[in-house]
Amino acid sequence: MHQRILILQGHPDQSEAHLCHALADHYRAGAEQKGHEIRQIDLASLEFPLIRSQKEWEHSPLPDTLADAQQAIGWCQHLVLIFPLWLGDMPAMVKGFLEQVLRPGFAFEYEEGNPLGKKGLKGRSARVIVTMGMPAAIYRHLYRAHSLKSLERNVLGFVGLSPIRETLIGGVEGMSQKEVDDWFREVHTFGEEGR
């Protein structure tokens, strides 16, 4: 079954190509090969302000520069978010983007008597691909993948995305070309399968 897939490439550095860029390219190639409909957004190419208050988040208009991105999130059936782990978490640019686009009235709605609200993005799945310098097993077991779990539960799951699959790619500075190529093949397969 063909899907509408949105790839959000979240490496903040546009000055050179990084592993995150290549992973997005390989996912996209696999998905296009199997006939999935693809849109891709490189978050670093977008200009937007940070949200500085709950009032602003709830009531200020979405910046014009993010209108297409929010529309693409509403359009997709499967969301792929790719970013490097920085200081144990997603880069600030990725968090700032999610705060802007996942607003009340779009990503969820407040409901009387329901502290969780009505999920606005139900029926969509997600994959989060995170690259990191430390071994992935240390992040997963020693640190319990704390920031990734927070993203999955408190952001993506809160607005209705499910299931959420994760791919952790650790030790990126020391990987051999064979290891890099193995990851490219695996991510290409994820794209083919639309997962």
N, C-alpha and C. Protein backbone atom coordinates (compact mmCIF):
# COMPACT_ATOMS: atom_id res chain seq x y z
N MET A 1 0.84 -1.18 0.00
CA MET A 1 0.00 0.00 0.00
C MET A 1 0.88 1.25 0.00
N HIS A 2 0.60 2.17 -0.89
CA HIS A 2 1.37 3.40 -0.96
C HIS A 2 0.92 4.37 0.11
N GLN A 3 1.88 5.12 0.64
CA GLN A 3 1.59 6.07 1.69
C GLN A 3 2.07 7.47 1.31
N ARG A 4 1.51 8.45 2.01
CA ARG A 4 2.01 9.83 1.93
C ARG A 4 2.97 10.00 3.10
N ILE A 5 4.24 10.24 2.78
CA ILE A 5 5.30 10.27 3.79
C ILE A 5 5.94 11.65 3.82
N LEU A 6 6.11 12.18 5.02
CA LEU A 6 6.81 13.44 5.22
C LEU A 6 8.11 13.15 5.96
N ILE A 7 9.23 13.59 5.39
CA ILE A 7 10.53 13.47 6.03
C ILE A 7 10.91 14.84 6.57
N LEU A 8 11.13 14.91 7.88
CA LEU A 8 11.63 16.13 8.51
C LEU A 8 13.10 15.88 8.85
N GLN A 9 14.00 16.50 8.10
CA GLN A 9 15.44 16.34 8.32
C GLN A 9 15.86 17.46 9.26
N GLY A 10 16.29 17.07 10.47
CA GLY A 10 16.49 18.05 11.52
C GLY A 10 17.91 18.38 11.91
N HIS A 11 18.89 18.12 11.05
CA HIS A 11 20.24 18.55 11.40
C HIS A 11 20.33 20.06 11.18
N PRO A 12 20.71 20.82 12.22
CA PRO A 12 20.70 22.28 12.10
C PRO A 12 21.79 22.89 11.23
N ASP A 13 22.82 22.13 10.89
CA ASP A 13 23.95 22.67 10.15
C ASP A 13 23.77 22.44 8.66
N GLN A 14 23.60 23.53 7.91
CA GLN A 14 23.47 23.45 6.46
C GLN A 14 24.78 23.70 5.74
N SER A 15 25.85 23.98 6.47
CA SER A 15 27.10 24.37 5.83
C SER A 15 27.80 23.20 5.15
N GLU A 16 27.45 21.98 5.54
CA GLU A 16 28.05 20.80 4.92
C GLU A 16 27.09 19.62 5.09
N ALA A 17 27.33 18.57 4.32
CA ALA A 17 26.48 17.38 4.41
C ALA A 17 26.86 16.57 5.65
N HIS A 18 25.84 16.08 6.34
CA HIS A 18 26.03 15.26 7.54
C HIS A 18 25.33 13.92 7.35
N LEU A 19 25.57 13.01 8.26
CA LEU A 19 24.94 11.70 8.20
C LEU A 19 23.41 11.82 8.15
N CYS A 20 22.85 12.75 8.91
CA CYS A 20 21.38 12.92 8.91
C CYS A 20 20.86 13.24 7.51
N HIS A 21 21.59 14.08 6.77
CA HIS A 21 21.17 14.41 5.41
C HIS A 21 21.18 13.15 4.53
N ALA A 22 22.25 12.36 4.64
CA ALA A 22 22.36 11.15 3.83
C ALA A 22 21.28 10.13 4.21
N LEU A 23 20.99 10.02 5.49
CA LEU A 23 19.93 9.09 5.92
C LEU A 23 18.59 9.50 5.33
N ALA A 24 18.30 10.80 5.35
CA ALA A 24 17.06 11.29 4.75
C ALA A 24 17.02 10.95 3.26
N ASP A 25 18.14 11.13 2.58
CA ASP A 25 18.20 10.83 1.14
C ASP A 25 17.95 9.35 0.88
N HIS A 26 18.52 8.48 1.69
CA HIS A 26 18.35 7.03 1.50
C HIS A 26 16.92 6.60 1.82
N TYR A 27 16.34 7.17 2.86
CA TYR A 27 14.93 6.85 3.17
C TYR A 27 14.06 7.28 1.98
N ARG A 28 14.29 8.49 1.51
CA ARG A 28 13.49 9.02 0.41
C ARG A 28 13.64 8.16 -0.86
N ALA A 29 14.86 7.76 -1.16
CA ALA A 29 15.10 6.94 -2.36
C ALA A 29 14.34 5.63 -2.27
N GLY A 30 14.37 4.99 -1.11
CA GLY A 30 13.65 3.74 -0.93
C GLY A 30 12.15 3.94 -1.08
N ALA A 31 11.64 5.01 -0.49
CA ALA A 31 10.20 5.28 -0.56
C ALA A 31 9.76 5.60 -1.99
N GLU A 32 10.53 6.41 -2.68
CA GLU A 32 10.18 6.76 -4.07
C GLU A 32 10.25 5.53 -4.97
N GLN A 33 11.22 4.66 -4.72
CA GLN A 33 11.37 3.44 -5.51
C GLN A 33 10.10 2.59 -5.44
N LYS A 34 9.43 2.59 -4.31
CA LYS A 34 8.22 1.78 -4.13
C LYS A 34 6.93 2.56 -4.39
N GLY A 35 7.05 3.80 -4.86
CA GLY A 35 5.87 4.56 -5.28
C GLY A 35 5.16 5.33 -4.18
N HIS A 36 5.78 5.45 -3.01
CA HIS A 36 5.18 6.29 -1.98
C HIS A 36 5.27 7.75 -2.40
N GLU A 37 4.32 8.54 -1.95
CA GLU A 37 4.32 9.98 -2.23
C GLU A 37 5.12 10.65 -1.11
N ILE A 38 6.14 11.42 -1.48
CA ILE A 38 7.09 11.94 -0.50
C ILE A 38 7.14 13.46 -0.53
N ARG A 39 7.20 14.03 0.65
CA ARG A 39 7.59 15.44 0.83
C ARG A 39 8.73 15.44 1.84
N GLN A 40 9.65 16.37 1.67
CA GLN A 40 10.78 16.47 2.59
C GLN A 40 11.01 17.92 2.95
N ILE A 41 11.28 18.16 4.22
CA ILE A 41 11.58 19.50 4.71
C ILE A 41 12.88 19.44 5.49
N ASP A 42 13.84 20.25 5.10
CA ASP A 42 15.07 20.41 5.87
C ASP A 42 14.82 21.57 6.82
N LEU A 43 14.69 21.27 8.10
CA LEU A 43 14.28 22.27 9.08
C LEU A 43 15.24 23.45 9.13
N ALA A 44 16.52 23.22 8.88
CA ALA A 44 17.50 24.30 8.93
C ALA A 44 17.27 25.36 7.85
N SER A 45 16.49 25.04 6.84
CA SER A 45 16.21 26.01 5.77
C SER A 45 15.07 26.96 6.14
N LEU A 46 14.41 26.70 7.26
CA LEU A 46 13.27 27.51 7.67
C LEU A 46 13.69 28.58 8.67
N GLU A 47 13.10 29.75 8.54
CA GLU A 47 13.30 30.83 9.51
C GLU A 47 12.03 30.97 10.33
N PHE A 48 12.17 30.91 11.65
CA PHE A 48 11.01 31.08 12.53
C PHE A 48 11.49 31.49 13.91
N PRO A 49 10.65 32.23 14.63
CA PRO A 49 11.03 32.63 15.99
C PRO A 49 10.71 31.53 16.99
N LEU A 50 11.34 31.62 18.15
CA LEU A 50 11.00 30.72 19.25
C LEU A 50 9.73 31.23 19.93
N ILE A 51 8.95 30.31 20.44
CA ILE A 51 7.77 30.68 21.22
C ILE A 51 8.23 30.96 22.65
N ARG A 52 7.75 32.07 23.21
CA ARG A 52 8.24 32.50 24.51
C ARG A 52 7.19 32.49 25.62
N SER A 53 5.95 32.10 25.31
CA SER A 53 4.93 32.04 26.37
C SER A 53 3.81 31.10 25.95
N GLN A 54 3.06 30.62 26.94
CA GLN A 54 1.90 29.78 26.64
C GLN A 54 0.87 30.58 25.85
N LYS A 55 0.69 31.84 26.21
CA LYS A 55 -0.27 32.70 25.50
C LYS A 55 0.09 32.79 24.02
N GLU A 56 1.37 33.00 23.75
CA GLU A 56 1.83 33.07 22.36
C GLU A 56 1.57 31.75 21.64
N TRP A 57 1.89 30.62 22.30
CA TRP A 57 1.68 29.31 21.70
C TRP A 57 0.22 29.05 21.38
N GLU A 58 -0.66 29.46 22.27
CA GLU A 58 -2.09 29.18 22.10
C GLU A 58 -2.79 30.17 21.17
N HIS A 59 -2.32 31.42 21.12
CA HIS A 59 -3.12 32.45 20.45
C HIS A 59 -2.44 33.20 19.31
N SER A 60 -1.12 33.20 19.24
CA SER A 60 -0.48 33.93 18.15
C SER A 60 -0.57 33.12 16.87
N PRO A 61 -0.58 33.79 15.72
CA PRO A 61 -0.67 33.04 14.46
C PRO A 61 0.62 32.28 14.17
N LEU A 62 0.46 31.19 13.47
CA LEU A 62 1.61 30.43 13.00
C LEU A 62 2.42 31.31 12.05
N PRO A 63 3.75 31.38 12.20
CA PRO A 63 4.55 32.16 11.25
C PRO A 63 4.31 31.68 9.81
N ASP A 64 4.23 32.61 8.89
CA ASP A 64 3.98 32.28 7.48
C ASP A 64 5.00 31.29 6.94
N THR A 65 6.24 31.36 7.45
CA THR A 65 7.31 30.49 6.96
C THR A 65 7.08 29.02 7.33
N LEU A 66 6.14 28.76 8.24
CA LEU A 66 5.87 27.38 8.66
C LEU A 66 4.52 26.85 8.18
N ALA A 67 3.78 27.66 7.43
CA ALA A 67 2.45 27.23 6.98
C ALA A 67 2.53 25.97 6.12
N ASP A 68 3.48 25.92 5.18
CA ASP A 68 3.62 24.74 4.32
C ASP A 68 4.03 23.51 5.13
N ALA A 69 4.90 23.70 6.12
CA ALA A 69 5.34 22.58 6.96
C ALA A 69 4.17 22.03 7.76
N GLN A 70 3.37 22.90 8.34
CA GLN A 70 2.22 22.42 9.11
C GLN A 70 1.22 21.71 8.19
N GLN A 71 1.02 22.25 7.01
CA GLN A 71 0.13 21.61 6.05
C GLN A 71 0.64 20.23 5.66
N ALA A 72 1.96 20.10 5.49
CA ALA A 72 2.54 18.81 5.13
C ALA A 72 2.37 17.78 6.25
N ILE A 73 2.44 18.23 7.50
CA ILE A 73 2.20 17.32 8.62
C ILE A 73 0.77 16.83 8.58
N GLY A 74 -0.17 17.71 8.30
CA GLY A 74 -1.57 17.30 8.18
C GLY A 74 -1.81 16.38 6.99
N TRP A 75 -1.04 16.55 5.93
CA TRP A 75 -1.17 15.75 4.70
C TRP A 75 -0.66 14.33 4.88
N CYS A 76 0.41 14.16 5.64
CA CYS A 76 1.11 12.87 5.65
C CYS A 76 0.34 11.79 6.41
N GLN A 77 0.65 10.56 6.06
CA GLN A 77 0.17 9.39 6.80
C GLN A 77 1.28 8.83 7.68
N HIS A 78 2.52 9.12 7.31
CA HIS A 78 3.69 8.63 8.06
C HIS A 78 4.70 9.76 8.12
N LEU A 79 5.20 10.03 9.33
CA LEU A 79 6.15 11.11 9.57
C LEU A 79 7.50 10.51 9.96
N VAL A 80 8.56 10.96 9.29
CA VAL A 80 9.91 10.52 9.61
C VAL A 80 10.67 11.74 10.11
N LEU A 81 11.18 11.66 11.33
CA LEU A 81 11.93 12.75 11.94
C LEU A 81 13.36 12.28 12.18
N ILE A 82 14.32 12.99 11.59
CA ILE A 82 15.73 12.61 11.68
C ILE A 82 16.51 13.77 12.30
N PHE A 83 17.30 13.47 13.34
CA PHE A 83 18.12 14.52 13.95
C PHE A 83 19.28 13.91 14.72
N PRO A 84 20.33 14.72 14.98
CA PRO A 84 21.45 14.26 15.82
C PRO A 84 21.14 14.54 17.28
N LEU A 85 21.63 13.70 18.15
CA LEU A 85 21.51 13.94 19.59
C LEU A 85 22.54 14.99 19.99
N TRP A 86 22.07 16.08 20.56
CA TRP A 86 22.94 17.17 21.01
C TRP A 86 22.69 17.39 22.49
N LEU A 87 23.72 17.31 23.30
CA LEU A 87 23.59 17.48 24.75
C LEU A 87 22.48 16.61 25.31
N GLY A 88 22.38 15.40 24.79
CA GLY A 88 21.42 14.43 25.30
C GLY A 88 20.00 14.61 24.83
N ASP A 89 19.76 15.47 23.85
CA ASP A 89 18.39 15.76 23.42
C ASP A 89 18.38 16.16 21.95
N MET A 90 17.18 16.45 21.44
CA MET A 90 17.09 16.96 20.07
C MET A 90 17.67 18.37 20.04
N PRO A 91 18.21 18.81 18.90
CA PRO A 91 18.69 20.19 18.81
C PRO A 91 17.55 21.18 19.08
N ALA A 92 17.90 22.34 19.61
CA ALA A 92 16.90 23.36 19.95
C ALA A 92 16.05 23.74 18.74
N MET A 93 16.65 23.74 17.56
CA MET A 93 15.90 24.09 16.36
C MET A 93 14.74 23.11 16.12
N VAL A 94 14.99 21.83 16.36
CA VAL A 94 13.93 20.83 16.17
C VAL A 94 12.82 21.04 17.20
N LYS A 95 13.20 21.26 18.45
CA LYS A 95 12.19 21.51 19.50
C LYS A 95 11.40 22.77 19.20
N GLY A 96 12.10 23.84 18.78
CA GLY A 96 11.42 25.08 18.43
C GLY A 96 10.44 24.90 17.28
N PHE A 97 10.83 24.11 16.28
CA PHE A 97 9.95 23.81 15.15
C PHE A 97 8.69 23.08 15.63
N LEU A 98 8.88 22.04 16.43
CA LEU A 98 7.73 21.26 16.91
C LEU A 98 6.80 22.12 17.75
N GLU A 99 7.36 23.00 18.59
CA GLU A 99 6.52 23.89 19.39
C GLU A 99 5.70 24.81 18.49
N GLN A 100 6.27 25.26 17.40
CA GLN A 100 5.54 26.15 16.50
C GLN A 100 4.42 25.43 15.75
N VAL A 101 4.72 24.28 15.15
CA VAL A 101 3.74 23.66 14.26
C VAL A 101 2.69 22.81 14.98
N LEU A 102 3.03 22.27 16.16
CA LEU A 102 2.09 21.38 16.86
C LEU A 102 1.29 22.18 17.88
N ARG A 103 0.47 23.07 17.38
CA ARG A 103 -0.28 23.99 18.22
C ARG A 103 -1.71 23.51 18.45
N PRO A 104 -2.33 24.05 19.51
CA PRO A 104 -3.75 23.76 19.74
C PRO A 104 -4.57 24.21 18.52
N GLY A 105 -5.59 23.44 18.22
CA GLY A 105 -6.42 23.73 17.05
C GLY A 105 -5.95 23.01 15.80
N PHE A 106 -4.70 22.57 15.81
CA PHE A 106 -4.18 21.77 14.70
C PHE A 106 -3.78 20.39 15.20
N ALA A 107 -2.81 20.33 16.09
CA ALA A 107 -2.27 19.05 16.55
C ALA A 107 -3.13 18.43 17.64
N PHE A 108 -3.88 19.23 18.35
CA PHE A 108 -4.80 18.74 19.37
C PHE A 108 -5.79 19.84 19.71
N GLU A 109 -6.84 19.47 20.41
CA GLU A 109 -7.83 20.44 20.88
C GLU A 109 -8.10 20.19 22.35
N TYR A 110 -8.27 21.27 23.08
CA TYR A 110 -8.64 21.13 24.48
C TYR A 110 -10.06 20.59 24.56
N GLU A 111 -10.30 19.69 25.53
CA GLU A 111 -11.64 19.15 25.77
C GLU A 111 -11.96 19.28 27.24
N GLU A 112 -13.14 19.75 27.53
CA GLU A 112 -13.59 19.88 28.92
C GLU A 112 -13.53 18.53 29.62
N GLY A 113 -12.88 18.50 30.76
CA GLY A 113 -12.80 17.27 31.55
C GLY A 113 -11.80 16.25 31.06
N ASN A 114 -11.05 16.56 29.99
CA ASN A 114 -10.07 15.63 29.45
C ASN A 114 -8.70 16.31 29.46
N PRO A 115 -7.85 16.01 30.44
CA PRO A 115 -6.55 16.69 30.52
C PRO A 115 -5.63 16.38 29.34
N LEU A 116 -5.90 15.31 28.61
CA LEU A 116 -5.07 14.95 27.46
C LEU A 116 -5.54 15.60 26.17
N GLY A 117 -6.75 16.14 26.16
CA GLY A 117 -7.28 16.78 24.97
C GLY A 117 -7.63 15.79 23.88
N LYS A 118 -8.12 16.32 22.77
CA LYS A 118 -8.47 15.52 21.60
C LYS A 118 -7.29 15.55 20.64
N LYS A 119 -6.78 14.39 20.29
CA LYS A 119 -5.59 14.28 19.46
C LYS A 119 -5.92 14.63 18.00
N GLY A 120 -5.22 15.60 17.46
CA GLY A 120 -5.51 16.07 16.11
C GLY A 120 -4.78 15.33 15.00
N LEU A 121 -3.79 14.51 15.34
CA LEU A 121 -3.01 13.84 14.31
C LEU A 121 -3.13 12.32 14.40
N LYS A 122 -4.27 11.86 14.92
CA LYS A 122 -4.51 10.41 14.99
C LYS A 122 -4.52 9.81 13.59
N GLY A 123 -4.16 8.54 13.53
CA GLY A 123 -4.17 7.85 12.25
C GLY A 123 -2.87 7.96 11.48
N ARG A 124 -1.87 8.61 12.09
CA ARG A 124 -0.57 8.74 11.45
C ARG A 124 0.47 7.99 12.28
N SER A 125 1.42 7.40 11.61
CA SER A 125 2.52 6.71 12.29
C SER A 125 3.77 7.57 12.17
N ALA A 126 4.83 7.16 12.88
CA ALA A 126 6.07 7.93 12.84
C ALA A 126 7.27 7.01 13.02
N ARG A 127 8.39 7.48 12.50
CA ARG A 127 9.69 6.89 12.78
C ARG A 127 10.61 8.03 13.16
N VAL A 128 11.35 7.85 14.25
CA VAL A 128 12.34 8.82 14.69
C VAL A 128 13.71 8.17 14.54
N ILE A 129 14.59 8.82 13.79
CA ILE A 129 15.95 8.33 13.58
C ILE A 129 16.89 9.32 14.25
N VAL A 130 17.67 8.83 15.21
CA VAL A 130 18.55 9.69 15.98
C VAL A 130 19.99 9.20 15.82
N THR A 131 20.89 10.10 15.43
CA THR A 131 22.31 9.79 15.36
C THR A 131 22.99 10.35 16.61
N MET A 132 24.08 9.70 17.03
CA MET A 132 24.76 10.16 18.25
C MET A 132 26.20 9.69 18.27
N GLY A 133 27.02 10.39 19.03
CA GLY A 133 28.41 10.02 19.18
C GLY A 133 28.60 8.83 20.11
N MET A 134 27.82 8.78 21.18
CA MET A 134 27.96 7.67 22.12
C MET A 134 27.37 6.39 21.53
N PRO A 135 27.77 5.25 22.02
CA PRO A 135 27.14 4.01 21.57
C PRO A 135 25.63 4.03 21.87
N ALA A 136 24.84 3.58 20.93
CA ALA A 136 23.38 3.60 21.11
C ALA A 136 22.96 2.79 22.33
N ALA A 137 23.68 1.70 22.63
CA ALA A 137 23.32 0.86 23.79
C ALA A 137 23.47 1.64 25.09
N ILE A 138 24.45 2.51 25.17
CA ILE A 138 24.62 3.31 26.38
C ILE A 138 23.47 4.30 26.51
N TYR A 139 23.13 4.97 25.42
CA TYR A 139 21.99 5.91 25.45
C TYR A 139 20.70 5.18 25.83
N ARG A 140 20.49 4.01 25.23
CA ARG A 140 19.25 3.26 25.46
C ARG A 140 19.19 2.68 26.88
N HIS A 141 20.29 2.10 27.36
CA HIS A 141 20.22 1.36 28.63
C HIS A 141 20.70 2.16 29.84
N LEU A 142 21.80 2.88 29.71
CA LEU A 142 22.27 3.66 30.85
C LEU A 142 21.43 4.92 31.04
N TYR A 143 21.17 5.63 29.94
CA TYR A 143 20.38 6.87 30.02
C TYR A 143 18.89 6.62 29.77
N ARG A 144 18.55 5.38 29.47
CA ARG A 144 17.17 4.96 29.23
C ARG A 144 16.48 5.75 28.11
N ALA A 145 17.28 6.25 27.17
CA ALA A 145 16.76 7.01 26.02
C ALA A 145 15.77 8.07 26.46
N HIS A 146 16.11 8.76 27.57
CA HIS A 146 15.19 9.67 28.24
C HIS A 146 14.59 10.72 27.31
N SER A 147 15.41 11.39 26.51
CA SER A 147 14.88 12.46 25.66
C SER A 147 14.03 11.90 24.52
N LEU A 148 14.42 10.76 23.99
CA LEU A 148 13.63 10.15 22.93
C LEU A 148 12.27 9.70 23.47
N LYS A 149 12.27 9.10 24.65
CA LYS A 149 11.00 8.68 25.26
C LYS A 149 10.10 9.87 25.53
N SER A 150 10.70 10.98 25.97
CA SER A 150 9.92 12.20 26.20
C SER A 150 9.30 12.70 24.89
N LEU A 151 10.09 12.71 23.82
CA LEU A 151 9.57 13.12 22.51
C LEU A 151 8.42 12.22 22.08
N GLU A 152 8.62 10.92 22.21
CA GLU A 152 7.59 9.97 21.77
C GLU A 152 6.31 10.10 22.58
N ARG A 153 6.46 10.19 23.91
CA ARG A 153 5.28 10.23 24.79
C ARG A 153 4.64 11.61 24.86
N ASN A 154 5.47 12.64 25.10
CA ASN A 154 4.94 13.96 25.44
C ASN A 154 4.69 14.86 24.25
N VAL A 155 5.20 14.50 23.10
CA VAL A 155 5.00 15.33 21.92
C VAL A 155 4.27 14.53 20.84
N LEU A 156 4.95 13.55 20.24
CA LEU A 156 4.35 12.82 19.12
C LEU A 156 3.13 12.01 19.55
N GLY A 157 3.26 11.28 20.65
CA GLY A 157 2.12 10.50 21.14
C GLY A 157 0.99 11.38 21.63
N PHE A 158 1.33 12.51 22.24
CA PHE A 158 0.31 13.42 22.77
C PHE A 158 -0.62 13.92 21.67
N VAL A 159 -0.08 14.14 20.47
CA VAL A 159 -0.91 14.65 19.38
C VAL A 159 -1.51 13.53 18.53
N GLY A 160 -1.21 12.26 18.87
CA GLY A 160 -1.91 11.15 18.25
C GLY A 160 -1.10 10.24 17.36
N LEU A 161 0.17 10.53 17.11
CA LEU A 161 0.95 9.65 16.24
C LEU A 161 1.18 8.31 16.92
N SER A 162 0.90 7.24 16.19
CA SER A 162 1.06 5.88 16.71
C SER A 162 0.87 4.90 15.57
N PRO A 163 1.70 3.86 15.51
CA PRO A 163 2.85 3.59 16.36
C PRO A 163 4.01 4.51 16.01
N ILE A 164 4.93 4.64 16.97
CA ILE A 164 6.15 5.40 16.77
C ILE A 164 7.31 4.42 16.88
N ARG A 165 8.04 4.28 15.78
CA ARG A 165 9.21 3.40 15.76
C ARG A 165 10.46 4.26 15.91
N GLU A 166 11.50 3.68 16.44
CA GLU A 166 12.73 4.44 16.64
C GLU A 166 13.93 3.69 16.10
N THR A 167 14.88 4.46 15.61
CA THR A 167 16.15 3.92 15.14
C THR A 167 17.25 4.76 15.75
N LEU A 168 18.11 4.12 16.54
CA LEU A 168 19.23 4.81 17.19
C LEU A 168 20.52 4.39 16.51
N ILE A 169 21.27 5.36 16.02
CA ILE A 169 22.52 5.10 15.33
C ILE A 169 23.64 5.73 16.15
N GLY A 170 24.37 4.91 16.89
CA GLY A 170 25.40 5.41 17.80
C GLY A 170 26.80 5.24 17.27
N GLY A 171 27.73 5.91 17.96
CA GLY A 171 29.14 5.82 17.61
C GLY A 171 29.45 6.32 16.22
N VAL A 172 28.75 7.38 15.78
CA VAL A 172 28.83 7.78 14.38
C VAL A 172 30.23 8.24 13.96
N GLU A 173 31.01 8.85 14.89
CA GLU A 173 32.33 9.33 14.50
C GLU A 173 33.29 8.18 14.18
N GLY A 174 33.07 7.02 14.78
CA GLY A 174 33.99 5.90 14.58
C GLY A 174 33.50 4.82 13.65
N MET A 175 32.40 5.06 12.94
CA MET A 175 31.85 4.01 12.08
C MET A 175 32.71 3.79 10.85
N SER A 176 32.83 2.55 10.47
CA SER A 176 33.50 2.21 9.22
C SER A 176 32.56 2.49 8.06
N GLN A 177 33.10 2.53 6.84
CA GLN A 177 32.25 2.75 5.67
C GLN A 177 31.24 1.61 5.52
N LYS A 178 31.63 0.40 5.88
CA LYS A 178 30.70 -0.73 5.81
C LYS A 178 29.53 -0.51 6.76
N GLU A 179 29.81 -0.04 7.98
CA GLU A 179 28.73 0.22 8.93
C GLU A 179 27.80 1.32 8.43
N VAL A 180 28.38 2.36 7.88
CA VAL A 180 27.57 3.44 7.31
C VAL A 180 26.69 2.90 6.18
N ASP A 181 27.28 2.12 5.29
CA ASP A 181 26.52 1.55 4.18
C ASP A 181 25.41 0.61 4.67
N ASP A 182 25.68 -0.14 5.73
CA ASP A 182 24.65 -1.01 6.31
C ASP A 182 23.47 -0.19 6.80
N TRP A 183 23.76 0.93 7.47
CA TRP A 183 22.67 1.80 7.93
C TRP A 183 21.91 2.39 6.74
N PHE A 184 22.63 2.79 5.70
CA PHE A 184 21.95 3.33 4.52
C PHE A 184 21.00 2.29 3.92
N ARG A 185 21.44 1.04 3.86
CA ARG A 185 20.58 -0.03 3.32
C ARG A 185 19.35 -0.22 4.21
N GLU A 186 19.56 -0.22 5.52
CA GLU A 186 18.43 -0.42 6.43
C GLU A 186 17.41 0.71 6.32
N VAL A 187 17.90 1.95 6.28
CA VAL A 187 16.99 3.09 6.17
C VAL A 187 16.30 3.10 4.80
N HIS A 188 17.01 2.70 3.76
CA HIS A 188 16.40 2.56 2.43
C HIS A 188 15.23 1.57 2.49
N THR A 189 15.43 0.47 3.21
CA THR A 189 14.36 -0.52 3.37
C THR A 189 13.17 0.06 4.13
N PHE A 190 13.45 0.84 5.18
CA PHE A 190 12.35 1.50 5.90
C PHE A 190 11.53 2.35 4.94
N GLY A 191 12.23 3.07 4.05
CA GLY A 191 11.54 3.89 3.06
C GLY A 191 10.70 3.07 2.11
N GLU A 192 11.27 1.97 1.62
CA GLU A 192 10.51 1.08 0.73
C GLU A 192 9.22 0.62 1.38
N GLU A 193 9.34 0.25 2.67
CA GLU A 193 8.20 -0.32 3.40
C GLU A 193 7.29 0.76 3.97
N GLY A 194 7.69 2.01 3.87
CA GLY A 194 6.86 3.10 4.39
C GLY A 194 6.69 3.02 5.90
N ARG A 195 7.78 2.66 6.59
CA ARG A 195 7.71 2.57 8.05
C ARG A 195 8.92 3.21 8.71
